[in-house]
Amino acid sequence: MPNRGITVDAIVSAGVVGVGSVRYKGATMNDPHLSGMLPEDLVRHLAMTGTKTTIGEARRLLAHVITHSRGGFPIARPIPAAIARAVEATTRRHGLHVAHRVADPGDGFLKYLFAAPDGAQWEAVRIPLEAPRRFTICLSTQVGCAMGCAFCATGRLGFERNLAAWEIVETFRTVRDETPGRVTGAVFQGEGEPLANYDAVIQAARILSDPCGGRISARAISISTVGLAAAIRRYAAERHPYRLILSLTSAIGTRRSALVPATRRWSLPDLADAWRTYQQAVGGRVTVAWVVLGGVNTGEDEVEALAAWLGDLPVKLNLIDVNDSRPDGFCRADDAELNTFRDRLARLNVPVVRRYSGGAAIQAACGMLVGGQTPSLPPRPRDGRESLG
């Protein structure tokens, strides 16, 4: 909290109640954003300014701002003027700038490009579901990514910075408010490694699933990771209700290290132990994603290695076609290769699902965010690196 003529310590020590005795000058960029708060966070923040509020008042205000996307303050059940003044003076509620939107005419995927005042840019995708007028939103958690996955365009971009919880929630809110139907889910599977931005991602998921926030069922929120073993163990210990998905892609150590270089610090046995810890915490089948790379990770050697890696762990395996627009990039497996791979996987006695990945025409499919210039999307030069869509 910036200095406004009186320190936080002084306010708390003096036990000041209300804002009448504090000379506020208005919120600054250093103040917390309402879209990054749960009701208890707002109560705690206002207490630091010497302003008492109740959980009920905080809930009404956050629902007004996040759930209903309204300006000002609640009218039907107003909150006290002192609280409104403190909120105006010590928090932010501005939205995000949408630099561009582009729709895929074939399948209805809609990609958004967001731009922050510091020059950071990130993307989100609105995904239509099979049910009419139902959608989910693919959310980024970082600007760029440090994982360096060889088959992912974002990984080739490099890492710029983490997104704050409020930026993630505002991304969701912006897309949701333009959606011609109901948003029923969210997937943290856009730019970045969610578990490398752990605290902000968990805070955002809590807000999205809160009755005063996004009002999304926790069971409809998925968080995808390439396998940060320590963070997976923490996630399991904290018993979050959101679905965690492990993107494995290869069960052969040397091959996986080449495909996902950032995970070299965690051996496959260590990752298996962490994933088993997570499964034991949540029960039932856990999801393992496998990006299918034609001629690379569909052979008998992978199936044998995967069987050894899984052991008796109950899983569901999601097969995802690679999306690589580079002329010399990874290719999709053809039908014959894919069918042979699925036949081999049948020996594992685990459910295997081929997951649809749409939006390829606008480079909004899995692994393609900021991966080149999208048709109708302006280039994004960044520090001399390749133009990004």
Protein backbone atom coordinates (compact mmCIF):
# COMPACT_ATOMS: atom_id res chain seq x y z
CA MET A 1 0.00 0.00 0.00
CA PRO A 2 1.57 3.36 -0.99
CA ASN A 3 2.15 6.14 1.52
CA ARG A 4 -0.85 8.46 1.72
CA GLY A 5 0.36 10.54 4.61
CA ILE A 6 -0.14 7.80 7.18
CA THR A 7 1.42 4.34 7.27
CA VAL A 8 -0.46 1.07 7.48
CA ASP A 9 1.32 0.30 10.73
CA ALA A 10 0.18 3.59 12.17
CA ILE A 11 -3.41 2.96 11.16
CA VAL A 12 -3.45 -0.55 12.62
CA SER A 13 -1.64 0.50 15.80
CA ALA A 14 -4.00 3.40 16.37
CA GLY A 15 -7.03 1.23 15.83
CA VAL A 16 -8.58 3.79 13.51
CA VAL A 17 -12.13 2.92 12.44
CA GLY A 18 -13.56 4.37 9.26
CA VAL A 19 -11.77 6.49 6.67
CA GLY A 20 -12.80 9.90 7.87
CA SER A 21 -9.53 10.52 9.70
CA VAL A 22 -7.32 9.25 6.85
CA ARG A 23 -6.54 11.52 3.91
CA TYR A 24 -6.72 9.21 0.90
CA LYS A 25 -5.62 10.42 -2.51
CA GLY A 26 -7.06 7.62 -4.63
CA ALA A 27 -5.95 4.16 -5.60
CA THR A 28 -2.68 3.60 -7.44
CA MET A 29 -1.25 0.74 -9.48
CA ASN A 30 0.32 -0.61 -6.29
CA ASP A 31 -3.05 -1.16 -4.66
CA PRO A 32 -4.79 -4.56 -4.85
CA HIS A 33 -7.35 -5.22 -7.56
CA LEU A 34 -10.84 -6.28 -6.55
CA SER A 35 -10.81 -9.07 -9.14
CA GLY A 36 -7.91 -10.66 -7.28
CA MET A 37 -9.78 -10.85 -3.98
CA LEU A 38 -11.99 -13.27 -2.12
CA PRO A 39 -14.38 -11.79 0.46
CA GLU A 40 -12.05 -12.54 3.35
CA ASP A 41 -9.21 -10.85 1.47
CA LEU A 42 -11.26 -7.67 1.08
CA VAL A 43 -12.23 -7.69 4.76
CA ARG A 44 -8.60 -8.10 5.73
CA HIS A 45 -7.42 -5.38 3.34
CA LEU A 46 -9.97 -2.86 4.56
CA ALA A 47 -9.09 -3.65 8.16
CA MET A 48 -5.55 -2.52 7.36
CA THR A 49 -6.96 0.87 6.38
CA GLY A 50 -8.88 1.03 9.64
CA THR A 51 -12.20 0.28 7.96
CA LYS A 52 -14.37 -2.43 9.46
CA THR A 53 -16.56 -4.45 7.14
CA THR A 54 -18.38 -7.73 7.33
CA ILE A 55 -18.00 -10.81 5.15
CA GLY A 56 -21.56 -10.22 3.93
CA GLU A 57 -20.73 -6.70 2.77
CA ALA A 58 -17.56 -7.91 1.07
CA ARG A 59 -19.51 -10.65 -0.69
CA ARG A 60 -22.09 -8.20 -2.01
CA LEU A 61 -19.42 -5.88 -3.31
CA LEU A 62 -17.33 -8.56 -5.03
CA ALA A 63 -20.39 -10.20 -6.57
CA HIS A 64 -21.37 -6.76 -7.88
CA VAL A 65 -17.95 -6.29 -9.47
CA ILE A 66 -16.88 -9.79 -10.57
CA THR A 67 -20.06 -11.84 -10.96
CA HIS A 68 -22.26 -9.13 -12.43
CA SER A 69 -19.56 -6.85 -13.95
CA ARG A 70 -21.16 -3.67 -12.66
CA GLY A 71 -19.57 -0.35 -11.88
CA GLY A 72 -20.14 1.69 -8.75
CA PHE A 73 -21.51 -0.08 -5.70
CA PRO A 74 -24.53 -2.29 -4.92
CA ILE A 75 -27.81 -0.39 -4.96
CA ALA A 76 -30.45 -2.91 -3.87
CA ARG A 77 -28.51 -3.65 -0.68
CA PRO A 78 -26.09 -0.72 -0.32
CA ILE A 79 -22.88 -0.99 1.63
CA PRO A 80 -21.94 1.78 4.11
CA ALA A 81 -20.50 4.95 2.61
CA ALA A 82 -17.31 4.64 4.68
CA ILE A 83 -16.62 1.24 3.12
CA ALA A 84 -17.32 2.58 -0.37
CA ARG A 85 -14.87 5.43 0.19
CA ALA A 86 -12.18 3.08 1.46
CA VAL A 87 -12.70 0.71 -1.47
CA GLU A 88 -12.49 3.55 -3.98
CA ALA A 89 -9.35 4.92 -2.35
CA THR A 90 -7.37 1.73 -1.76
CA THR A 91 -8.34 -0.79 -4.47
CA ARG A 92 -8.52 -0.98 -8.25
CA ARG A 93 -11.23 -2.41 -10.46
CA HIS A 94 -10.20 -1.45 -14.00
CA GLY A 95 -10.58 -3.94 -16.80
CA LEU A 96 -8.10 -5.24 -19.36
CA HIS A 97 -7.40 -3.92 -22.83
CA VAL A 98 -8.36 -6.30 -25.61
CA ALA A 99 -5.92 -5.65 -28.44
CA HIS A 100 -7.55 -8.06 -30.86
CA ARG A 101 -10.15 -10.78 -31.31
CA VAL A 102 -10.19 -13.33 -34.09
CA ALA A 103 -12.71 -16.11 -34.69
CA ASP A 104 -12.23 -19.46 -36.40
CA PRO A 105 -15.07 -19.66 -38.98
CA GLY A 106 -14.91 -23.43 -39.01
CA ASP A 107 -15.48 -24.37 -35.37
CA GLY A 108 -16.38 -21.18 -33.52
CA PHE A 109 -13.24 -20.89 -31.39
CA LEU A 110 -12.52 -17.25 -30.54
CA LYS A 111 -9.03 -16.07 -29.63
CA TYR A 112 -8.34 -12.93 -27.61
CA LEU A 113 -5.14 -10.95 -27.39
CA PHE A 114 -4.80 -8.92 -24.19
CA ALA A 115 -2.31 -6.10 -23.68
CA ALA A 116 -1.13 -4.64 -20.37
CA PRO A 117 0.34 -1.16 -19.79
CA ASP A 118 3.79 -2.67 -19.17
CA GLY A 119 3.81 -4.08 -22.70
CA ALA A 120 2.98 -7.65 -21.68
CA GLN A 121 0.61 -9.50 -24.02
CA TRP A 122 -1.15 -12.82 -23.57
CA GLU A 123 -3.95 -14.79 -25.15
CA ALA A 124 -7.12 -16.60 -24.12
CA VAL A 125 -9.50 -18.77 -26.12
CA ARG A 126 -13.26 -19.12 -25.88
CA ILE A 127 -14.12 -22.73 -26.63
CA PRO A 128 -17.62 -23.83 -27.68
CA LEU A 129 -18.83 -27.04 -26.06
CA GLU A 130 -21.11 -29.70 -27.51
CA ALA A 131 -24.07 -28.42 -25.51
CA PRO A 132 -25.69 -25.48 -27.31
CA ARG A 133 -24.66 -22.03 -26.04
CA ARG A 134 -22.22 -23.49 -23.53
CA PHE A 135 -18.56 -22.52 -23.47
CA THR A 136 -15.34 -22.93 -21.54
CA ILE A 137 -12.41 -20.52 -21.47
CA CYS A 138 -8.76 -21.46 -21.91
CA LEU A 139 -6.73 -19.16 -19.67
CA SER A 140 -3.08 -18.19 -19.72
CA THR A 141 -1.19 -18.02 -16.44
CA GLN A 142 2.07 -16.48 -17.63
CA VAL A 143 3.28 -14.21 -20.40
CA GLY A 144 5.28 -16.70 -22.41
CA CYS A 145 6.63 -19.84 -20.77
CA ALA A 146 9.92 -21.07 -19.36
CA MET A 147 9.26 -24.79 -19.88
CA GLY A 148 10.61 -24.82 -23.44
CA CYS A 149 8.48 -27.73 -24.71
CA ALA A 150 9.75 -28.52 -28.19
CA PHE A 151 6.25 -29.07 -29.61
CA CYS A 152 4.68 -25.91 -28.12
CA ALA A 153 4.81 -22.48 -29.72
CA THR A 154 4.55 -20.72 -26.38
CA GLY A 155 7.55 -22.67 -25.13
CA ARG A 156 9.61 -21.29 -28.01
CA LEU A 157 8.57 -17.78 -27.03
CA GLY A 158 10.41 -17.78 -23.73
CA PHE A 159 9.26 -16.43 -20.38
CA GLU A 160 8.41 -12.79 -19.69
CA ARG A 161 6.45 -12.63 -16.45
CA ASN A 162 3.73 -14.22 -14.33
CA LEU A 163 0.16 -13.03 -14.57
CA ALA A 164 -1.38 -11.76 -11.36
CA ALA A 165 -4.50 -13.47 -10.06
CA TRP A 166 -6.58 -10.43 -10.93
CA GLU A 167 -5.29 -10.47 -14.53
CA ILE A 168 -6.35 -14.10 -14.88
CA VAL A 169 -9.79 -13.38 -13.41
CA GLU A 170 -10.21 -10.26 -15.53
CA THR A 171 -9.30 -12.28 -18.60
CA PHE A 172 -12.06 -14.72 -17.71
CA ARG A 173 -14.54 -11.97 -16.93
CA THR A 174 -13.85 -10.09 -20.17
CA VAL A 175 -14.36 -13.17 -22.33
CA ARG A 176 -17.37 -14.34 -20.30
CA ASP A 177 -19.14 -11.00 -20.64
CA GLU A 178 -18.96 -11.20 -24.45
CA THR A 179 -20.06 -14.80 -24.67
CA PRO A 180 -23.41 -15.53 -26.40
CA GLY A 181 -24.39 -18.12 -23.86
CA ARG A 182 -23.13 -19.49 -20.58
CA VAL A 183 -19.52 -20.13 -19.59
CA THR A 184 -19.52 -23.34 -17.57
CA GLY A 185 -15.83 -24.11 -17.24
CA ALA A 186 -12.26 -22.85 -17.27
CA VAL A 187 -8.99 -24.55 -18.18
CA PHE A 188 -5.61 -23.22 -17.11
CA GLN A 189 -3.94 -24.48 -20.26
CA GLY A 190 -3.00 -21.37 -22.21
CA GLU A 191 0.34 -19.62 -22.15
CA GLY A 192 2.61 -20.64 -19.29
CA GLU A 193 3.05 -23.42 -16.73
CA PRO A 194 0.31 -22.94 -14.11
CA LEU A 195 2.20 -24.60 -11.26
CA ALA A 196 5.15 -22.27 -11.86
CA ASN A 197 2.78 -19.45 -10.91
CA TYR A 198 1.20 -21.51 -8.16
CA ASP A 199 -0.18 -18.96 -5.69
CA ALA A 200 -1.74 -16.70 -8.32
CA VAL A 201 -3.31 -19.64 -10.16
CA ILE A 202 -4.83 -21.13 -7.01
CA GLN A 203 -6.13 -17.72 -5.97
CA ALA A 204 -7.67 -17.21 -9.42
CA ALA A 205 -9.26 -20.68 -9.35
CA ARG A 206 -10.75 -19.94 -5.94
CA ILE A 207 -12.23 -16.70 -7.22
CA LEU A 208 -13.59 -18.30 -10.38
CA SER A 209 -15.33 -20.99 -8.32
CA ASP A 210 -16.57 -18.64 -5.61
CA PRO A 211 -20.29 -17.66 -5.47
CA CYS A 212 -19.09 -14.04 -5.40
CA GLY A 213 -16.72 -14.56 -8.31
CA GLY A 214 -17.04 -16.55 -11.51
CA ARG A 215 -19.57 -19.03 -10.13
CA ILE A 216 -17.92 -21.92 -11.99
CA SER A 217 -18.12 -25.36 -10.42
CA ALA A 218 -14.74 -26.34 -9.01
CA ARG A 219 -15.13 -29.67 -10.83
CA ALA A 220 -15.30 -27.75 -14.13
CA ILE A 221 -11.92 -26.08 -13.57
CA SER A 222 -8.83 -27.87 -14.86
CA ILE A 223 -5.18 -27.03 -14.27
CA SER A 224 -2.63 -28.54 -16.64
CA THR A 225 1.02 -29.09 -15.74
CA VAL A 226 4.04 -30.58 -17.50
CA GLY A 227 5.04 -32.14 -14.20
CA LEU A 228 6.55 -29.92 -11.51
CA ALA A 229 6.81 -32.69 -8.95
CA ALA A 230 7.26 -30.52 -5.86
CA ALA A 231 4.27 -28.36 -6.79
CA ILE A 232 2.16 -31.47 -7.50
CA ARG A 233 2.91 -32.73 -3.99
CA ARG A 234 1.97 -29.36 -2.54
CA TYR A 235 -1.24 -29.36 -4.54
CA ALA A 236 -2.08 -32.83 -3.26
CA ALA A 237 -1.34 -31.85 0.34
CA GLU A 238 -3.60 -28.81 0.06
CA ARG A 239 -6.38 -30.95 -1.45
CA HIS A 240 -7.70 -28.45 -3.94
CA PRO A 241 -10.97 -29.44 -5.63
CA TYR A 242 -9.88 -28.52 -9.15
CA ARG A 243 -8.84 -31.20 -11.62
CA LEU A 244 -5.11 -31.46 -12.18
CA ILE A 245 -3.94 -32.82 -15.55
CA LEU A 246 -0.42 -34.09 -16.15
CA SER A 247 0.97 -33.57 -19.65
CA LEU A 248 3.38 -36.50 -19.90
CA THR A 249 3.86 -36.99 -23.68
CA SER A 250 6.71 -39.47 -23.23
CA ALA A 251 7.51 -42.08 -20.58
CA ILE A 252 11.08 -42.51 -21.81
CA GLY A 253 13.43 -40.33 -19.79
CA THR A 254 15.82 -39.21 -22.50
CA ARG A 255 13.03 -38.51 -24.96
CA ARG A 256 10.95 -36.59 -22.44
CA SER A 257 13.97 -34.51 -21.44
CA ALA A 258 14.43 -33.54 -25.07
CA LEU A 259 10.73 -32.74 -25.56
CA VAL A 260 10.17 -31.01 -22.18
CA PRO A 261 13.63 -29.80 -21.15
CA ALA A 262 12.54 -27.86 -18.07
CA THR A 263 11.43 -31.07 -16.37
CA ARG A 264 14.90 -32.63 -16.36
CA ARG A 265 15.26 -31.72 -12.70
CA TRP A 266 12.49 -34.21 -11.87
CA SER A 267 13.12 -37.78 -12.92
CA LEU A 268 10.25 -39.84 -14.27
CA PRO A 269 10.25 -42.03 -11.11
CA ASP A 270 10.03 -38.89 -8.96
CA LEU A 271 7.19 -37.58 -11.11
CA ALA A 272 5.39 -40.93 -10.86
CA ASP A 273 5.67 -40.76 -7.08
CA ALA A 274 4.27 -37.21 -7.02
CA TRP A 275 1.43 -38.19 -9.36
CA ARG A 276 0.58 -41.19 -7.21
CA THR A 277 0.49 -38.89 -4.17
CA TYR A 278 -1.99 -36.69 -6.00
CA GLN A 279 -4.14 -39.65 -7.04
CA GLN A 280 -4.27 -40.94 -3.47
CA ALA A 281 -5.34 -37.49 -2.29
CA VAL A 282 -8.24 -37.17 -4.72
CA GLY A 283 -9.19 -40.80 -5.37
CA GLY A 284 -10.46 -42.25 -8.62
CA ARG A 285 -8.82 -41.92 -12.02
CA VAL A 286 -6.49 -39.01 -12.69
CA THR A 287 -5.87 -37.60 -16.14
CA VAL A 288 -2.65 -37.93 -18.10
CA ALA A 289 -2.38 -35.98 -21.37
CA TRP A 290 -0.27 -37.23 -24.26
CA VAL A 291 0.55 -34.92 -27.15
CA VAL A 292 0.77 -37.29 -30.10
CA LEU A 293 3.85 -36.55 -32.22
CA GLY A 294 3.84 -38.49 -35.46
CA GLY A 295 6.78 -40.86 -35.70
CA VAL A 296 8.12 -39.81 -32.29
CA ASN A 297 6.12 -41.06 -29.31
CA THR A 298 3.68 -43.64 -30.64
CA GLY A 299 5.88 -46.73 -30.75
CA GLU A 300 5.96 -49.96 -28.79
CA ASP A 301 8.83 -48.56 -26.71
CA GLU A 302 6.59 -45.78 -25.40
CA VAL A 303 3.75 -48.14 -24.53
CA GLU A 304 6.09 -50.41 -22.58
CA ALA A 305 7.66 -47.44 -20.80
CA LEU A 306 4.24 -45.99 -19.99
CA ALA A 307 3.05 -49.32 -18.58
CA ALA A 308 6.09 -49.44 -16.29
CA TRP A 309 5.64 -45.79 -15.30
CA LEU A 310 1.94 -46.18 -14.47
CA GLY A 311 2.10 -49.47 -12.59
CA ASP A 312 -1.34 -49.91 -11.07
CA LEU A 313 -2.10 -46.18 -10.97
CA PRO A 314 -5.71 -45.58 -12.10
CA VAL A 315 -5.61 -43.03 -14.92
CA LYS A 316 -7.45 -41.80 -17.96
CA LEU A 317 -5.25 -41.05 -20.98
CA ASN A 318 -6.08 -38.07 -23.17
CA LEU A 319 -4.53 -38.14 -26.65
CA ILE A 320 -4.03 -34.67 -28.14
CA ASP A 321 -2.97 -34.10 -31.74
CA VAL A 322 0.10 -31.90 -32.02
CA ASN A 323 -0.45 -28.49 -33.59
CA ASP A 324 2.73 -27.16 -35.15
CA SER A 325 2.51 -24.70 -38.03
CA ARG A 326 6.25 -24.71 -38.79
CA PRO A 327 7.22 -26.31 -42.11
CA ASP A 328 9.86 -28.36 -40.33
CA GLY A 329 7.87 -28.84 -37.14
CA PHE A 330 6.28 -31.91 -35.57
CA CYS A 331 3.69 -33.72 -37.67
CA ARG A 332 0.42 -35.30 -36.64
CA ALA A 333 0.21 -39.07 -36.67
CA ASP A 334 -1.81 -40.35 -39.61
CA ASP A 335 -4.82 -42.60 -39.03
CA ALA A 336 -2.86 -45.82 -39.41
CA GLU A 337 -0.18 -44.77 -36.91
CA LEU A 338 -2.75 -43.45 -34.45
CA ASN A 339 -4.88 -46.59 -34.65
CA THR A 340 -1.86 -48.81 -34.09
CA PHE A 341 -0.87 -46.69 -31.09
CA ARG A 342 -4.36 -46.95 -29.63
CA ASP A 343 -4.37 -50.71 -30.13
CA ARG A 344 -1.11 -50.92 -28.22
CA LEU A 345 -2.46 -48.70 -25.45
CA ALA A 346 -5.46 -51.02 -25.06
CA ARG A 347 -3.14 -53.46 -23.30
CA LEU A 348 -2.84 -51.00 -20.42
CA ASN A 349 -6.54 -51.37 -19.58
CA VAL A 350 -7.01 -47.64 -19.09
CA PRO A 351 -9.62 -45.42 -20.75
CA VAL A 352 -8.13 -43.66 -23.78
CA VAL A 353 -9.80 -40.54 -25.16
CA ARG A 354 -8.77 -38.60 -28.25
CA ARG A 355 -9.38 -35.01 -27.27
CA TYR A 356 -10.56 -32.55 -29.88
CA SER A 357 -8.31 -29.52 -30.31
CA GLY A 358 -9.98 -26.79 -32.34
CA GLY A 359 -9.14 -23.29 -33.45
CA ALA A 360 -6.17 -24.32 -35.59
CA ALA A 361 -7.13 -21.92 -38.39
CA ILE A 362 -6.50 -18.98 -36.05
CA GLN A 363 -3.62 -20.65 -34.18
CA ALA A 364 -5.80 -21.05 -31.10
CA ALA A 365 -5.44 -24.82 -30.80
CA CYS A 366 -3.47 -26.62 -28.09
CA GLY A 367 0.18 -25.60 -28.17
CA MET A 368 -0.29 -22.76 -30.68
CA LEU A 369 -0.85 -19.64 -28.58
CA VAL A 370 1.46 -16.80 -29.64
CA GLY A 371 3.04 -19.19 -32.10
CA GLY A 372 3.32 -17.04 -35.21
CA GLN A 373 1.20 -14.53 -37.05
CA THR A 374 -2.46 -15.49 -37.06
CA PRO A 375 -4.56 -14.58 -40.10
CA SER A 376 -6.19 -11.18 -39.41
CA LEU A 377 -4.11 -10.78 -36.24
CA PRO A 378 -1.39 -8.11 -36.17
CA PRO A 379 2.19 -9.25 -35.55
CA ARG A 380 3.60 -8.96 -32.05
CA PRO A 381 7.31 -8.08 -32.25
CA ARG A 382 8.92 -8.55 -28.86
CA ASP A 383 12.56 -7.60 -28.21
CA GLY A 384 13.71 -8.63 -31.67
CA ARG A 385 12.19 -12.09 -31.43
CA GLU A 386 9.89 -13.59 -34.04
CA SER A 387 6.58 -11.86 -34.77
CA LEU A 388 3.89 -13.41 -32.63
CA GLY A 389 0.21 -13.82 -33.24
